[in-house]
C-alpha atoms as a PDB file:
ATOM      1  CA  ARG A   1      69.099  50.343 253.863  1.00  0.00           C
ATOM      2  CA  ARG A   2      69.889  51.644 257.561  1.00  0.00           C
ATOM      3  CA  THR A   3      66.723  53.092 257.998  1.00  0.00           C
ATOM      4  CA  LEU A   4      65.050  50.096 256.550  1.00  0.00           C
ATOM      5  CA  GLN A   5      67.160  47.776 258.893  1.00  0.00           C
ATOM      6  CA  ASP A   6      66.482  50.138 262.234  1.00  0.00           C
ATOM      7  CA  GLN A   7      62.336  50.020 261.504  1.00  0.00           C
ATOM      8  CA  VAL A   8      62.265  46.586 261.190  1.00  0.00           C
ATOM      9  CA  THR A   9      64.751  45.518 264.409  1.00  0.00           C
ATOM     10  CA  GLY A  10      63.574  48.670 266.341  1.00  0.00           C
ATOM     11  CA  THR A  11      61.257  48.802 269.376  1.00  0.00           C
ATOM     12  CA  VAL A  12      57.578  49.378 268.326  1.00  0.00           C
ATOM     13  CA  ARG A  13      56.514  52.401 271.062  1.00  0.00           C
ATOM     14  CA  TRP A  14      52.779  51.282 270.670  1.00  0.00           C
ATOM     15  CA  SER A  15      51.447  52.725 274.227  1.00  0.00           C
ATOM     16  CA  ASP A  16      53.305  55.971 273.888  1.00  0.00           C
ATOM     17  CA  CYS A  17      52.031  56.686 270.557  1.00  0.00           C
ATOM     18  CA  MET A  18      48.471  55.765 271.449  1.00  0.00           C
ATOM     19  CA  ASP A  19      48.595  58.273 274.441  1.00  0.00           C
ATOM     20  CA  ARG A  20      49.976  60.723 272.251  1.00  0.00           C
ATOM     21  CA  LEU A  21      47.277  60.613 269.700  1.00  0.00           C
ATOM     22  CA  ALA A  22      44.705  60.348 272.581  1.00  0.00           C
ATOM     23  CA  LYS A  23      46.360  64.075 273.969  1.00  0.00           C
ATOM     24  CA  ARG A  24      45.675  65.223 270.570  1.00  0.00           C
ATOM     25  CA  GLY A  25      41.976  65.042 271.010  1.00  0.00           C
ATOM     26  CA  CYS A  26      41.819  61.218 268.752  1.00  0.00           C
ATOM     27  CA  ASP A  27      38.989  59.452 270.295  1.00  0.00           C
ATOM     28  CA  PHE A  28      37.633  57.021 267.414  1.00  0.00           C
ATOM     29  CA  PHE A  29      40.332  54.524 265.879  1.00  0.00           C
ATOM     30  CA  ILE A  30      40.374  52.121 262.635  1.00  0.00           C
ATOM     31  CA  GLU A  31      42.277  49.029 262.269  1.00  0.00           C
ATOM     32  CA  LEU A  32      42.764  48.511 258.284  1.00  0.00           C
ATOM     33  CA  GLY A  33      43.092  44.908 257.422  1.00  0.00           C
ATOM     34  CA  PRO A  34      42.163  41.458 258.754  1.00  0.00           C
ATOM     35  CA  GLY A  35      42.835  40.110 261.905  1.00  0.00           C
ATOM     36  CA  GLY A  36      41.887  43.071 264.514  1.00  0.00           C
ATOM     37  CA  VAL A  37      45.590  42.381 266.293  1.00  0.00           C
ATOM     38  CA  LEU A  38      45.899  46.203 266.693  1.00  0.00           C
ATOM     39  CA  ALA A  39      42.271  46.955 267.800  1.00  0.00           C
ATOM     40  CA  GLY A  40      42.364  44.335 270.356  1.00  0.00           C
ATOM     41  CA  LEU A  41      45.863  45.784 271.809  1.00  0.00           C
ATOM     42  CA  LEU A  42      44.582  48.946 271.571  1.00  0.00           C
ATOM     43  CA  LYS A  43      41.640  47.830 273.890  1.00  0.00           C
ATOM     44  CA  ARG A  44      43.485  46.187 276.284  1.00  0.00           C
ATOM     45  CA  THR A  45      46.043  49.115 276.459  1.00  0.00           C
ATOM     46  CA  ARG A  46      43.569  52.040 276.452  1.00  0.00           C
ATOM     47  CA  GLU A  47      40.042  50.677 277.866  1.00  0.00           C
ATOM     48  CA  ASP A  48      38.278  53.980 277.198  1.00  0.00           C
ATOM     49  CA  ALA A  49      39.153  53.965 273.606  1.00  0.00           C
ATOM     50  CA  ASP A  50      37.190  53.323 270.697  1.00  0.00           C
ATOM     51  CA  VAL A  51      38.093  50.983 267.919  1.00  0.00           C
ATOM     52  CA  VAL A  52      37.333  49.298 265.098  1.00  0.00           C
ATOM     53  CA  SER A  53      38.453  46.867 262.877  1.00  0.00           C
ATOM     54  CA  VAL A  54      37.412  47.076 259.071  1.00  0.00           C
ATOM     55  CA  SER A  55      38.359  44.060 256.702  1.00  0.00           C
ATOM     56  CA  ASP A  56      35.443  43.725 254.419  1.00  0.00           C
ATOM     57  CA  ALA A  57      32.543  45.658 252.452  1.00  0.00           C
ATOM     58  CA  GLU A  58      30.261  45.157 255.607  1.00  0.00           C
ATOM     59  CA  SER A  59      32.688  46.071 258.246  1.00  0.00           C
ATOM     60  CA  VAL A  60      33.460  49.136 255.961  1.00  0.00           C
ATOM     61  CA  ARG A  61      29.541  49.814 255.973  1.00  0.00           C
ATOM     62  CA  LYS A  62      29.423  49.916 259.564  1.00  0.00           C
ATOM     63  CA  CYS A  63      32.166  52.170 260.114  1.00  0.00           C
ATOM     64  CA  ALA A  64      31.146  54.704 257.986  1.00  0.00           C
ATOM     65  CA  GLU A  65      27.672  54.599 259.903  1.00  0.00           C
ATOM     66  CA  ARG A  66      29.634  55.255 262.876  1.00  0.00           C
ATOM     67  CA  LEU A  67      31.515  58.157 261.059  1.00  0.00           C
END
């Protein structure tokens, strides 16, 4: 219960997480689900990020072509 509370109320360290992934060689990011909020946030915080939002069959197809 305490862990769940911490996860819901704790600070999200988005930039730190994305920087760590980039340092480990991640250069292509896929956001799953509608909206594209995280993809937009990633593009704003890491201008060099190659990111795709996948939310329907067509976007899955386009993403698969890039892989």
